[in-house]
Amino acid sequence: MQGHVNCLTLSVSCPSRVSDHRKIHAPLYSPKILLSSNRTTENKNLRHLLLRDDYANLGCVKAVRDLVVPLTINGAGIRDIERVLFLSTNTILKTLREAATIADDPAYPQRVRDLEMDEFWSFVGAKRAQRWTWYCYDRQRRKVVAFVNERRTDAACRQLLQKLGGCQITRYHIDNWQSYAKLLPTRRHRTGKEGPSRIERHTLNSRTRLKRLQRQTICYSESAAMHDAVIKLYAHNSNSGHHHF
């Protein structure tokens, strides 16, 4: 590689190696080198350097794996993370699945004064295989109360409402989709775009921060399980107060 390259030395423990202690010398490229036309070749060379016998496998470094979820819920796709962290796609997918398994489902309170409901679509594998996310949003607490990933049917809406069986809800704020009118109490729901304004903003933020939900993108989920795992991670992260809406 041409040009001056600075190096960052990290001291890490790698369980897959015989030695208990190794050092990673990670080249820090200048913007001029990163923006050059030979960027692909230089990235391959960097990958070769990091995976040489005297370098640790970055997939064994917890500090590196811990960056997978934050990158995923802030606009990075699987291939983006692979290029940035030099991890294999299998390691990235495994890390996301494990994080989603550990993450708690949204907890609903005993009482909700204003509950907004909405649904948005994405797809798995192909656009004809649409997968809809139905979810409820507590306007006062600004948190996702429950969500369901299914088709856009009355059964999916009913499944979402069943998750709220132990919650006393004063008012529902919904759009004009027919399933809501069929299943919600007539006197306690309000229809219109002004009512579910906060959940619409939440949906917009989801599409902005999750690359697989963006409309004009080549990033998409190849399995429903991975799609649902990323949705769960984003809901868990937003409820934890890491995002402000």
Protein backbone atom coordinates (compact mmCIF):
# COMPACT_ATOMS: atom_id res chain seq x y z
CA MET A 1 0.00 0.00 0.00
CA GLN A 2 1.24 3.43 -0.89
CA GLY A 3 1.23 6.46 1.35
CA HIS A 4 1.96 6.98 5.01
CA VAL A 5 -0.10 4.73 7.30
CA ASN A 6 -0.42 5.32 11.03
CA CYS A 7 -1.18 2.36 13.28
CA LEU A 8 -3.37 1.96 16.35
CA THR A 9 -2.16 -0.80 18.70
CA LEU A 10 -4.82 -2.60 20.75
CA SER A 11 -3.92 -5.11 23.45
CA VAL A 12 -6.61 -7.83 23.58
CA SER A 13 -7.20 -11.36 24.82
CA CYS A 14 -8.11 -13.90 22.16
CA PRO A 15 -9.52 -17.27 23.36
CA SER A 16 -9.02 -18.90 19.95
CA ARG A 17 -5.25 -18.51 20.09
CA VAL A 18 -2.68 -20.46 22.10
CA SER A 19 -1.20 -17.26 23.41
CA ASP A 20 -3.27 -15.55 26.11
CA HIS A 21 -2.34 -12.08 25.01
CA ARG A 22 -1.93 -10.53 21.57
CA LYS A 23 -1.71 -7.14 19.99
CA ILE A 24 -3.69 -5.86 17.03
CA HIS A 25 -2.00 -3.23 14.90
CA ALA A 26 -4.89 -1.56 13.09
CA PRO A 27 -3.79 0.87 10.35
CA LEU A 28 -5.49 4.25 10.58
CA TYR A 29 -5.95 5.56 7.04
CA SER A 30 -6.02 9.19 6.16
CA PRO A 31 -9.17 10.50 4.39
CA LYS A 32 -7.10 10.92 1.22
CA ILE A 33 -6.28 7.21 1.12
CA LEU A 34 -9.82 6.11 2.06
CA LEU A 35 -11.31 8.20 -0.75
CA SER A 36 -8.89 6.98 -3.37
CA SER A 37 -10.02 4.93 -6.35
CA ASN A 38 -8.07 1.93 -5.06
CA ARG A 39 -10.11 1.73 -1.86
CA THR A 40 -11.33 -1.85 -2.44
CA THR A 41 -7.80 -3.15 -2.87
CA GLU A 42 -6.59 -1.35 0.25
CA ASN A 43 -9.46 -2.75 2.31
CA LYS A 44 -8.53 -6.25 1.17
CA ASN A 45 -4.93 -5.59 2.12
CA LEU A 46 -6.04 -4.33 5.53
CA ARG A 47 -8.18 -7.43 6.02
CA HIS A 48 -5.13 -9.55 5.17
CA LEU A 49 -3.04 -7.68 7.73
CA LEU A 50 -5.61 -8.08 10.49
CA LEU A 51 -6.10 -11.79 9.86
CA ARG A 52 -2.44 -12.69 9.58
CA ASP A 53 -1.07 -15.31 11.99
CA ASP A 54 0.38 -12.66 14.28
CA TYR A 55 -2.93 -10.79 14.51
CA ALA A 56 -5.92 -11.72 16.65
CA ASN A 57 -9.29 -12.63 15.16
CA LEU A 58 -11.46 -9.55 15.71
CA GLY A 59 -14.54 -11.75 16.11
CA CYS A 60 -13.07 -12.87 19.45
CA VAL A 61 -12.86 -9.31 20.75
CA LYS A 62 -15.98 -8.45 22.76
CA ALA A 63 -15.40 -4.70 22.37
CA VAL A 64 -15.61 -5.14 18.60
CA ARG A 65 -18.69 -7.39 18.71
CA ASP A 66 -20.43 -4.90 21.00
CA LEU A 67 -20.40 -2.40 18.13
CA VAL A 68 -22.59 -4.59 15.90
CA VAL A 69 -25.95 -3.70 17.47
CA PRO A 70 -25.30 0.09 17.72
CA LEU A 71 -24.23 0.16 14.08
CA THR A 72 -27.27 -1.89 13.00
CA ILE A 73 -29.78 0.43 14.68
CA ASN A 74 -28.02 3.52 13.35
CA GLY A 75 -28.25 2.97 9.63
CA ALA A 76 -25.63 0.28 8.87
CA GLY A 77 -26.38 -2.90 6.98
CA ILE A 78 -24.68 -6.27 7.41
CA ARG A 79 -22.20 -5.61 4.58
CA ASP A 80 -21.46 -2.14 5.98
CA ILE A 81 -20.57 -3.64 9.36
CA GLU A 82 -18.47 -6.32 7.68
CA ARG A 83 -16.41 -3.67 5.89
CA VAL A 84 -16.00 -1.45 8.94
CA LEU A 85 -15.31 -4.00 11.69
CA PHE A 86 -13.74 -6.72 9.52
CA LEU A 87 -16.10 -9.37 10.92
CA SER A 88 -17.64 -12.19 8.94
CA THR A 89 -21.33 -12.05 8.10
CA ASN A 90 -21.92 -15.17 10.18
CA THR A 91 -20.40 -13.49 13.23
CA ILE A 92 -22.54 -10.39 12.69
CA LEU A 93 -25.76 -12.35 12.27
CA LYS A 94 -24.98 -14.52 15.28
CA THR A 95 -24.30 -11.44 17.39
CA LEU A 96 -27.63 -9.88 16.38
CA ARG A 97 -29.56 -13.07 17.12
CA GLU A 98 -27.95 -13.42 20.54
CA ALA A 99 -28.64 -9.77 21.39
CA ALA A 100 -32.29 -10.10 20.36
CA THR A 101 -32.67 -13.21 22.52
CA ILE A 102 -31.35 -11.38 25.57
CA ALA A 103 -33.37 -8.19 24.96
CA ASP A 104 -36.65 -7.99 26.87
CA ASP A 105 -39.98 -7.59 25.13
CA PRO A 106 -41.67 -4.22 25.67
CA ALA A 107 -43.44 -4.05 29.03
CA TYR A 108 -46.83 -2.39 29.06
CA PRO A 109 -48.05 -0.38 32.06
CA GLN A 110 -51.30 -1.07 33.87
CA ARG A 111 -52.89 2.12 32.53
CA VAL A 112 -52.39 4.07 29.32
CA ARG A 113 -54.26 7.30 28.71
CA ASP A 114 -53.46 7.76 25.02
CA LEU A 115 -52.38 4.75 23.00
CA GLU A 116 -51.39 5.30 19.37
CA MET A 117 -51.49 2.37 16.94
CA ASP A 118 -49.93 2.06 13.53
CA GLU A 119 -48.42 -0.42 11.10
CA PHE A 120 -45.62 -0.21 8.56
CA TRP A 121 -44.34 -2.65 5.98
CA SER A 122 -41.05 -4.04 4.84
CA PHE A 123 -40.22 -7.28 3.05
CA VAL A 124 -38.21 -10.45 3.51
CA GLY A 125 -36.32 -11.82 0.54
CA ALA A 126 -38.46 -10.12 -2.11
CA LYS A 127 -40.91 -7.21 -2.20
CA ARG A 128 -43.80 -9.54 -2.86
CA ALA A 129 -43.11 -11.14 0.54
CA GLN A 130 -44.25 -8.20 2.64
CA ARG A 131 -43.91 -8.31 6.41
CA TRP A 132 -45.91 -5.80 8.44
CA THR A 133 -44.97 -4.51 11.86
CA TRP A 134 -48.01 -3.63 13.98
CA TYR A 135 -47.22 -1.76 17.15
CA CYS A 136 -48.61 0.41 19.93
CA TYR A 137 -47.03 3.57 21.30
CA ASP A 138 -47.67 5.20 24.67
CA ARG A 139 -47.98 8.92 23.96
CA GLN A 140 -47.25 10.10 27.49
CA ARG A 141 -44.32 7.77 28.22
CA ARG A 142 -43.04 7.85 24.63
CA LYS A 143 -42.39 4.15 24.55
CA VAL A 144 -43.35 1.18 22.39
CA VAL A 145 -45.83 -0.88 24.40
CA ALA A 146 -46.18 -3.94 22.14
CA PHE A 147 -45.50 -5.02 18.58
CA VAL A 148 -46.26 -7.90 16.22
CA ASN A 149 -44.57 -8.82 12.94
CA GLU A 150 -47.08 -10.48 10.65
CA ARG A 151 -49.21 -9.84 7.58
CA ARG A 152 -51.61 -6.93 7.28
CA THR A 153 -54.68 -8.84 8.43
CA ASP A 154 -57.32 -8.69 11.14
CA ALA A 155 -55.65 -11.67 12.79
CA ALA A 156 -52.40 -9.73 13.22
CA CYS A 157 -54.26 -6.77 14.72
CA ARG A 158 -56.10 -9.12 17.07
CA GLN A 159 -52.79 -10.68 18.11
CA LEU A 160 -51.44 -7.23 18.95
CA LEU A 161 -54.49 -6.38 21.07
CA GLN A 162 -54.17 -9.67 22.94
CA LYS A 163 -50.75 -8.56 24.16
CA LEU A 164 -52.49 -5.60 25.81
CA GLY A 165 -55.09 -7.73 27.56
CA GLY A 166 -54.04 -6.62 31.06
CA CYS A 167 -53.75 -2.93 30.22
CA GLN A 168 -56.50 -0.37 30.82
CA ILE A 169 -56.55 2.03 27.88
CA THR A 170 -58.55 5.26 27.92
CA ARG A 171 -58.26 6.30 24.26
CA TYR A 172 -56.93 4.71 21.06
CA HIS A 173 -55.54 6.93 18.31
CA ILE A 174 -55.56 5.20 14.94
CA ASP A 175 -55.62 5.74 11.18
CA ASN A 176 -58.35 4.60 8.79
CA TRP A 177 -57.24 1.01 8.36
CA GLN A 178 -60.31 -1.24 8.55
CA SER A 179 -58.97 -3.70 11.14
CA TYR A 180 -58.98 -1.07 13.87
CA ALA A 181 -62.63 -0.17 13.31
CA LYS A 182 -63.58 -3.84 13.52
CA LEU A 183 -61.72 -4.72 16.69
CA LEU A 184 -61.50 -1.57 18.84
CA PRO A 185 -64.28 -0.18 21.06
CA THR A 186 -66.18 2.39 19.02
CA ARG A 187 -66.47 5.00 21.75
CA ARG A 188 -62.82 4.87 22.76
CA HIS A 189 -60.95 5.26 19.48
CA ARG A 190 -60.27 8.38 17.48
CA THR A 191 -59.51 8.27 13.78
CA GLY A 192 -57.34 10.71 11.87
CA LYS A 193 -53.77 11.65 11.08
CA GLU A 194 -53.46 14.17 13.91
CA GLY A 195 -54.07 11.58 16.63
CA PRO A 196 -51.24 9.12 15.86
CA SER A 197 -48.70 11.87 15.11
CA ARG A 198 -46.06 10.67 17.54
CA ILE A 199 -46.17 7.08 16.36
CA GLU A 200 -45.87 8.31 12.78
CA ARG A 201 -42.70 10.12 13.82
CA HIS A 202 -41.47 6.97 15.51
CA THR A 203 -42.08 5.03 12.29
CA LEU A 204 -40.15 7.65 10.32
CA ASN A 205 -37.23 7.34 12.73
CA SER A 206 -37.33 3.56 12.38
CA ARG A 207 -37.10 3.79 8.60
CA THR A 208 -34.25 6.29 8.90
CA ARG A 209 -32.19 4.30 11.38
CA LEU A 210 -32.80 0.75 10.15
CA LYS A 211 -31.33 0.32 6.70
CA ARG A 212 -33.49 -2.71 5.88
CA LEU A 213 -36.62 -0.56 6.36
CA GLN A 214 -35.58 2.23 4.01
CA ARG A 215 -37.62 2.36 0.82
CA GLN A 216 -34.83 3.04 -1.69
CA THR A 217 -32.15 0.56 -0.65
CA ILE A 218 -30.64 -2.76 -1.67
CA CYS A 219 -30.48 -3.84 1.97
CA TYR A 220 -33.17 -6.29 3.10
CA SER A 221 -33.64 -9.24 5.41
CA GLU A 222 -33.25 -12.72 3.96
CA SER A 223 -35.14 -14.38 6.82
CA ALA A 224 -38.15 -13.39 8.90
CA ALA A 225 -36.28 -14.35 12.07
CA MET A 226 -33.48 -11.84 11.41
CA HIS A 227 -35.97 -9.15 10.35
CA ASP A 228 -37.92 -9.60 13.60
CA ALA A 229 -34.71 -9.65 15.66
CA VAL A 230 -33.62 -6.24 14.34
CA ILE A 231 -37.09 -4.77 14.93
CA LYS A 232 -36.99 -6.05 18.51
CA LEU A 233 -33.52 -4.62 19.10
CA TYR A 234 -34.60 -1.21 17.83
CA ALA A 235 -37.75 -1.20 20.00
CA HIS A 236 -35.72 -2.26 23.04
CA ASN A 237 -33.09 0.40 22.37
CA SER A 238 -35.63 3.21 21.88
CA ASN A 239 -37.50 2.22 25.06
CA SER A 240 -34.22 2.28 26.99
CA GLY A 241 -33.95 6.00 26.29
CA HIS A 242 -31.05 5.81 23.83
CA HIS A 243 -33.12 7.64 21.21
CA HIS A 244 -35.23 10.74 21.71
CA PHE A 245 -38.31 11.33 19.57
